[in-house]
N, C-alpha and C. Protein backbone atom coordinates (compact mmCIF):
# COMPACT_ATOMS: atom_id res chain seq x y z
N MET A 1 0.84 -1.17 0.00
CA MET A 1 0.00 0.00 0.00
C MET A 1 0.89 1.24 0.00
N LEU A 2 0.52 2.20 -0.81
CA LEU A 2 1.24 3.47 -0.87
C LEU A 2 0.53 4.51 -0.03
N PRO A 3 1.27 5.31 0.75
CA PRO A 3 0.62 6.38 1.49
C PRO A 3 0.12 7.44 0.52
N VAL A 4 -1.04 8.02 0.82
CA VAL A 4 -1.58 9.09 0.00
C VAL A 4 -0.82 10.36 0.33
N ALA A 5 -0.52 11.16 -0.68
CA ALA A 5 0.25 12.39 -0.48
C ALA A 5 -0.36 13.24 0.63
N GLY A 6 0.51 13.75 1.52
CA GLY A 6 0.05 14.63 2.58
C GLY A 6 -0.39 13.93 3.85
N THR A 7 -0.36 12.59 3.89
CA THR A 7 -0.83 11.90 5.08
C THR A 7 0.33 11.36 5.92
N LYS A 8 1.56 11.54 5.47
CA LYS A 8 2.72 11.01 6.19
C LYS A 8 3.10 11.95 7.32
N SER A 9 3.25 11.41 8.49
CA SER A 9 3.71 12.16 9.65
C SER A 9 4.63 11.25 10.44
N HIS A 10 5.69 11.82 11.03
CA HIS A 10 6.62 10.98 11.78
C HIS A 10 5.98 10.44 13.06
N HIS A 11 4.81 10.96 13.44
CA HIS A 11 4.10 10.46 14.61
C HIS A 11 3.11 9.35 14.25
N MET A 12 2.86 9.14 12.96
CA MET A 12 1.85 8.17 12.54
C MET A 12 2.49 6.82 12.25
N GLN A 13 1.80 5.77 12.62
CA GLN A 13 2.19 4.43 12.25
C GLN A 13 1.67 4.15 10.84
N PRO A 14 2.30 3.22 10.09
CA PRO A 14 1.84 2.93 8.73
C PRO A 14 0.36 2.59 8.64
N ASN A 15 -0.20 1.92 9.66
CA ASN A 15 -1.62 1.55 9.60
C ASN A 15 -2.54 2.73 9.90
N GLU A 16 -2.02 3.89 10.31
CA GLU A 16 -2.83 5.07 10.59
C GLU A 16 -2.89 6.03 9.40
N MET A 17 -2.07 5.81 8.38
CA MET A 17 -2.04 6.69 7.21
C MET A 17 -3.13 6.27 6.22
N SER A 18 -3.58 7.24 5.41
CA SER A 18 -4.46 6.90 4.30
C SER A 18 -3.60 6.25 3.23
N CYS A 19 -4.01 5.12 2.73
CA CYS A 19 -3.18 4.38 1.77
C CYS A 19 -3.97 4.01 0.53
N MET A 20 -3.23 3.84 -0.56
CA MET A 20 -3.77 3.39 -1.84
C MET A 20 -3.08 2.07 -2.18
N PRO A 21 -3.75 1.17 -2.89
CA PRO A 21 -3.08 -0.07 -3.30
C PRO A 21 -1.97 0.23 -4.29
N LEU A 22 -0.87 -0.48 -4.19
CA LEU A 22 0.25 -0.29 -5.11
C LEU A 22 0.09 -1.15 -6.36
N LEU A 23 -0.26 -2.43 -6.18
CA LEU A 23 -0.36 -3.37 -7.30
C LEU A 23 -1.75 -3.98 -7.40
N SER A 24 -2.14 -4.29 -8.61
CA SER A 24 -3.39 -5.00 -8.85
C SER A 24 -3.08 -6.17 -9.79
N LEU A 25 -3.27 -7.37 -9.29
CA LEU A 25 -3.05 -8.58 -10.07
C LEU A 25 -4.41 -9.08 -10.55
N GLU A 26 -4.54 -9.30 -11.85
CA GLU A 26 -5.81 -9.77 -12.39
C GLU A 26 -5.63 -11.13 -13.04
N VAL A 27 -6.34 -12.11 -12.51
CA VAL A 27 -6.43 -13.45 -13.09
C VAL A 27 -7.92 -13.74 -13.15
N LYS A 28 -8.49 -13.70 -14.34
CA LYS A 28 -9.95 -13.81 -14.47
C LYS A 28 -10.46 -15.24 -14.42
N TRP A 29 -9.62 -16.20 -14.75
CA TRP A 29 -10.00 -17.60 -14.66
C TRP A 29 -8.74 -18.46 -14.65
N VAL A 30 -8.89 -19.68 -14.18
CA VAL A 30 -7.80 -20.65 -14.16
C VAL A 30 -8.37 -21.98 -14.67
N LYS A 31 -7.66 -22.60 -15.58
CA LYS A 31 -8.08 -23.90 -16.10
C LYS A 31 -7.04 -24.94 -15.67
N ILE A 32 -7.49 -25.96 -14.96
CA ILE A 32 -6.60 -27.03 -14.49
C ILE A 32 -7.15 -28.36 -14.99
N GLU A 33 -6.32 -29.11 -15.67
CA GLU A 33 -6.69 -30.45 -16.15
C GLU A 33 -5.66 -31.44 -15.64
N SER A 34 -6.14 -32.55 -15.13
CA SER A 34 -5.25 -33.59 -14.63
C SER A 34 -5.63 -34.92 -15.27
N LYS A 35 -4.62 -35.63 -15.78
CA LYS A 35 -4.87 -36.91 -16.45
C LYS A 35 -3.89 -37.96 -15.92
N SER A 36 -4.39 -39.16 -15.70
CA SER A 36 -3.53 -40.30 -15.37
C SER A 36 -3.39 -41.13 -16.63
N GLN A 37 -2.14 -41.42 -16.98
CA GLN A 37 -1.89 -42.22 -18.18
C GLN A 37 -1.60 -43.67 -17.79
N VAL A 38 -1.79 -44.57 -18.72
CA VAL A 38 -1.58 -46.00 -18.50
C VAL A 38 -0.14 -46.28 -18.08
N THR A 39 0.80 -45.45 -18.53
CA THR A 39 2.22 -45.65 -18.22
C THR A 39 2.56 -45.28 -16.78
N GLY A 40 1.60 -44.81 -15.99
CA GLY A 40 1.86 -44.43 -14.60
C GLY A 40 2.24 -42.97 -14.42
N VAL A 41 2.12 -42.18 -15.48
CA VAL A 41 2.46 -40.76 -15.41
C VAL A 41 1.19 -39.96 -15.15
N GLN A 42 1.25 -39.07 -14.16
CA GLN A 42 0.16 -38.14 -13.86
C GLN A 42 0.52 -36.81 -14.52
N GLN A 43 -0.32 -36.34 -15.43
CA GLN A 43 -0.05 -35.08 -16.13
C GLN A 43 -1.06 -34.03 -15.68
N THR A 44 -0.55 -32.87 -15.23
CA THR A 44 -1.41 -31.77 -14.82
C THR A 44 -1.05 -30.54 -15.65
N ASP A 45 -2.05 -29.96 -16.31
CA ASP A 45 -1.87 -28.76 -17.13
C ASP A 45 -2.66 -27.61 -16.51
N ILE A 46 -2.04 -26.43 -16.45
CA ILE A 46 -2.67 -25.24 -15.88
C ILE A 46 -2.54 -24.11 -16.90
N GLN A 47 -3.64 -23.37 -17.10
CA GLN A 47 -3.64 -22.18 -17.96
C GLN A 47 -4.25 -21.03 -17.19
N LEU A 48 -3.62 -19.84 -17.27
CA LEU A 48 -4.23 -18.67 -16.67
C LEU A 48 -3.81 -17.40 -17.39
N PRO A 49 -4.80 -16.55 -17.70
CA PRO A 49 -4.48 -15.24 -18.26
C PRO A 49 -4.06 -14.34 -17.09
N PHE A 50 -3.00 -13.59 -17.28
CA PHE A 50 -2.35 -12.86 -16.19
C PHE A 50 -2.12 -11.42 -16.60
N GLU A 51 -2.47 -10.46 -15.72
CA GLU A 51 -2.19 -9.04 -15.93
C GLU A 51 -1.76 -8.45 -14.60
N LEU A 52 -0.80 -7.52 -14.62
CA LEU A 52 -0.34 -6.87 -13.40
C LEU A 52 -0.30 -5.36 -13.64
N TYR A 53 -0.94 -4.62 -12.73
CA TYR A 53 -1.00 -3.16 -12.83
C TYR A 53 -0.43 -2.53 -11.56
N TYR A 54 0.06 -1.30 -11.68
CA TYR A 54 0.47 -0.53 -10.50
C TYR A 54 -0.30 0.79 -10.51
N PHE A 55 -0.45 1.40 -9.33
CA PHE A 55 -1.19 2.65 -9.21
C PHE A 55 -0.25 3.82 -9.42
N ASN A 56 -0.50 4.60 -10.47
CA ASN A 56 0.27 5.81 -10.77
C ASN A 56 -0.39 6.95 -10.00
N GLN A 57 0.28 7.43 -8.93
CA GLN A 57 -0.32 8.47 -8.09
C GLN A 57 -0.48 9.80 -8.82
N LYS A 58 0.44 10.13 -9.72
CA LYS A 58 0.35 11.41 -10.43
C LYS A 58 -0.87 11.45 -11.35
N LEU A 59 -1.16 10.34 -12.00
CA LEU A 59 -2.29 10.28 -12.93
C LEU A 59 -3.56 9.74 -12.26
N ALA A 60 -3.43 9.18 -11.07
CA ALA A 60 -4.54 8.65 -10.27
C ALA A 60 -5.30 7.51 -10.97
N PHE A 61 -4.55 6.62 -11.60
CA PHE A 61 -5.16 5.40 -12.12
C PHE A 61 -4.10 4.31 -12.28
N PHE A 62 -4.57 3.08 -12.50
CA PHE A 62 -3.67 1.94 -12.64
C PHE A 62 -3.12 1.86 -14.06
N GLU A 63 -1.81 1.60 -14.15
CA GLU A 63 -1.14 1.41 -15.43
C GLU A 63 -0.55 0.00 -15.47
N PRO A 64 -0.44 -0.59 -16.66
CA PRO A 64 0.06 -1.97 -16.73
C PRO A 64 1.57 -2.06 -16.48
N VAL A 65 1.97 -3.05 -15.69
CA VAL A 65 3.37 -3.42 -15.54
C VAL A 65 3.63 -4.62 -16.44
N VAL A 66 2.77 -5.65 -16.32
CA VAL A 66 2.81 -6.81 -17.21
C VAL A 66 1.48 -6.82 -17.95
N GLU A 67 1.56 -6.64 -19.27
CA GLU A 67 0.33 -6.63 -20.07
C GLU A 67 -0.21 -8.06 -20.19
N LYS A 68 -1.49 -8.16 -20.51
CA LYS A 68 -2.19 -9.45 -20.53
C LYS A 68 -1.40 -10.50 -21.32
N VAL A 69 -1.19 -11.64 -20.66
CA VAL A 69 -0.45 -12.73 -21.27
C VAL A 69 -1.03 -14.05 -20.76
N MET A 70 -1.01 -15.07 -21.60
CA MET A 70 -1.48 -16.40 -21.20
C MET A 70 -0.27 -17.21 -20.71
N ILE A 71 -0.35 -17.68 -19.50
CA ILE A 71 0.70 -18.51 -18.92
C ILE A 71 0.19 -19.95 -18.87
N LYS A 72 1.00 -20.86 -19.37
CA LYS A 72 0.65 -22.28 -19.34
C LYS A 72 1.74 -23.02 -18.57
N ALA A 73 1.32 -23.87 -17.66
CA ALA A 73 2.27 -24.67 -16.89
C ALA A 73 1.85 -26.12 -16.99
N SER A 74 2.85 -27.01 -16.95
CA SER A 74 2.58 -28.43 -17.04
C SER A 74 3.51 -29.18 -16.08
N VAL A 75 2.95 -30.15 -15.39
CA VAL A 75 3.74 -31.00 -14.49
C VAL A 75 3.42 -32.44 -14.83
N ASP A 76 4.47 -33.20 -15.13
CA ASP A 76 4.34 -34.64 -15.37
C ASP A 76 5.02 -35.35 -14.21
N SER A 77 4.26 -36.14 -13.45
CA SER A 77 4.81 -36.87 -12.30
C SER A 77 4.69 -38.36 -12.53
N GLU A 78 5.80 -39.06 -12.32
CA GLU A 78 5.80 -40.52 -12.43
C GLU A 78 5.46 -41.13 -11.08
N THR A 79 5.01 -42.35 -11.12
CA THR A 79 4.62 -43.08 -9.91
C THR A 79 5.78 -43.15 -8.92
N TYR A 80 7.00 -43.22 -9.39
CA TYR A 80 8.16 -43.42 -8.51
C TYR A 80 8.81 -42.10 -8.07
N GLY A 81 8.14 -40.97 -8.24
CA GLY A 81 8.61 -39.73 -7.64
C GLY A 81 9.30 -38.73 -8.54
N SER A 82 9.80 -39.11 -9.69
CA SER A 82 10.44 -38.10 -10.54
C SER A 82 9.37 -37.28 -11.25
N SER A 83 9.68 -36.02 -11.53
CA SER A 83 8.70 -35.17 -12.20
C SER A 83 9.40 -34.19 -13.13
N GLU A 84 8.64 -33.67 -14.05
CA GLU A 84 9.14 -32.67 -15.00
C GLU A 84 8.15 -31.51 -15.01
N GLN A 85 8.66 -30.28 -14.86
CA GLN A 85 7.81 -29.09 -14.85
C GLN A 85 8.17 -28.20 -16.04
N ARG A 86 7.16 -27.59 -16.63
CA ARG A 86 7.36 -26.66 -17.75
C ARG A 86 6.44 -25.46 -17.56
N ILE A 87 6.96 -24.28 -17.86
CA ILE A 87 6.14 -23.07 -17.91
C ILE A 87 6.33 -22.48 -19.29
N LEU A 88 5.22 -22.17 -19.96
CA LEU A 88 5.26 -21.70 -21.34
C LEU A 88 4.50 -20.40 -21.46
N ILE A 89 5.13 -19.42 -22.08
CA ILE A 89 4.46 -18.18 -22.45
C ILE A 89 4.61 -18.07 -23.96
N GLU A 90 3.49 -18.26 -24.67
CA GLU A 90 3.55 -18.35 -26.13
C GLU A 90 3.69 -16.99 -26.80
N ASN A 91 3.13 -15.95 -26.21
CA ASN A 91 3.16 -14.62 -26.82
C ASN A 91 4.32 -13.82 -26.24
N VAL A 92 4.52 -12.63 -26.79
CA VAL A 92 5.53 -11.73 -26.26
C VAL A 92 5.12 -11.28 -24.87
N LEU A 93 6.06 -11.29 -23.94
CA LEU A 93 5.81 -10.84 -22.58
C LEU A 93 6.17 -9.36 -22.50
N ASN A 94 5.16 -8.49 -22.41
CA ASN A 94 5.38 -7.05 -22.35
C ASN A 94 5.46 -6.59 -20.90
N ILE A 95 6.64 -6.13 -20.50
CA ILE A 95 6.85 -5.59 -19.16
C ILE A 95 7.15 -4.10 -19.31
N ASN A 96 6.35 -3.28 -18.65
CA ASN A 96 6.49 -1.83 -18.75
C ASN A 96 7.14 -1.29 -17.48
N LEU A 97 8.37 -0.86 -17.60
CA LEU A 97 9.07 -0.24 -16.49
C LEU A 97 9.13 1.27 -16.78
N SER A 98 8.58 2.06 -15.87
CA SER A 98 8.51 3.51 -16.10
C SER A 98 9.07 4.25 -14.91
N VAL A 99 9.32 5.53 -15.10
CA VAL A 99 9.78 6.40 -14.01
C VAL A 99 8.72 6.44 -12.92
N ALA A 100 7.46 6.52 -13.29
CA ALA A 100 6.38 6.58 -12.30
C ALA A 100 6.34 5.30 -11.46
N LEU A 101 6.56 4.13 -12.07
CA LEU A 101 6.61 2.88 -11.31
C LEU A 101 7.79 2.90 -10.34
N TYR A 102 8.95 3.32 -10.84
CA TYR A 102 10.14 3.43 -9.98
C TYR A 102 9.87 4.37 -8.81
N GLU A 103 9.25 5.52 -9.06
CA GLU A 103 8.94 6.48 -7.99
C GLU A 103 7.99 5.88 -6.97
N SER A 104 7.00 5.13 -7.43
CA SER A 104 6.06 4.48 -6.51
C SER A 104 6.76 3.46 -5.63
N LEU A 105 7.64 2.67 -6.21
CA LEU A 105 8.39 1.69 -5.42
C LEU A 105 9.34 2.37 -4.44
N PHE A 106 9.98 3.46 -4.87
CA PHE A 106 10.86 4.21 -4.00
C PHE A 106 10.08 4.82 -2.84
N LEU A 107 8.91 5.39 -3.10
CA LEU A 107 8.06 5.96 -2.06
C LEU A 107 7.64 4.88 -1.06
N LEU A 108 7.33 3.71 -1.57
CA LEU A 108 6.95 2.60 -0.71
C LEU A 108 8.11 2.22 0.22
N SER A 109 9.31 2.12 -0.35
CA SER A 109 10.47 1.73 0.47
C SER A 109 10.82 2.81 1.50
N GLU A 110 10.58 4.06 1.19
CA GLU A 110 10.85 5.16 2.12
C GLU A 110 9.91 5.13 3.33
N ASN A 111 8.67 4.74 3.10
CA ASN A 111 7.65 4.83 4.14
C ASN A 111 7.48 3.57 4.96
N TYR A 112 8.11 2.48 4.57
CA TYR A 112 7.96 1.25 5.34
C TYR A 112 9.29 0.70 5.65
């Protein structure tokens, strides 16, 4: 949580200040499929659309840090304990690093 401008006082505890959320993580749905194969392998596939936003205090709205992307994960587990994990991102992963994001993180570190 980021303190709202003008609410910081050296006499105030962090829980007494007016605060705004710093990050907003959006996952609108999750798809999980699990299959047992005749060979003794348990396969679990997970899909989730993922977006991450931060609150830009100067503009007073959320801006994207990680733009919408589909993340796919797969775990194959054998009966005798060995497993293989994979994470796949098929599209371009857009990460937006801005001065405003840096300032928000710096403000957060200063106040906590």
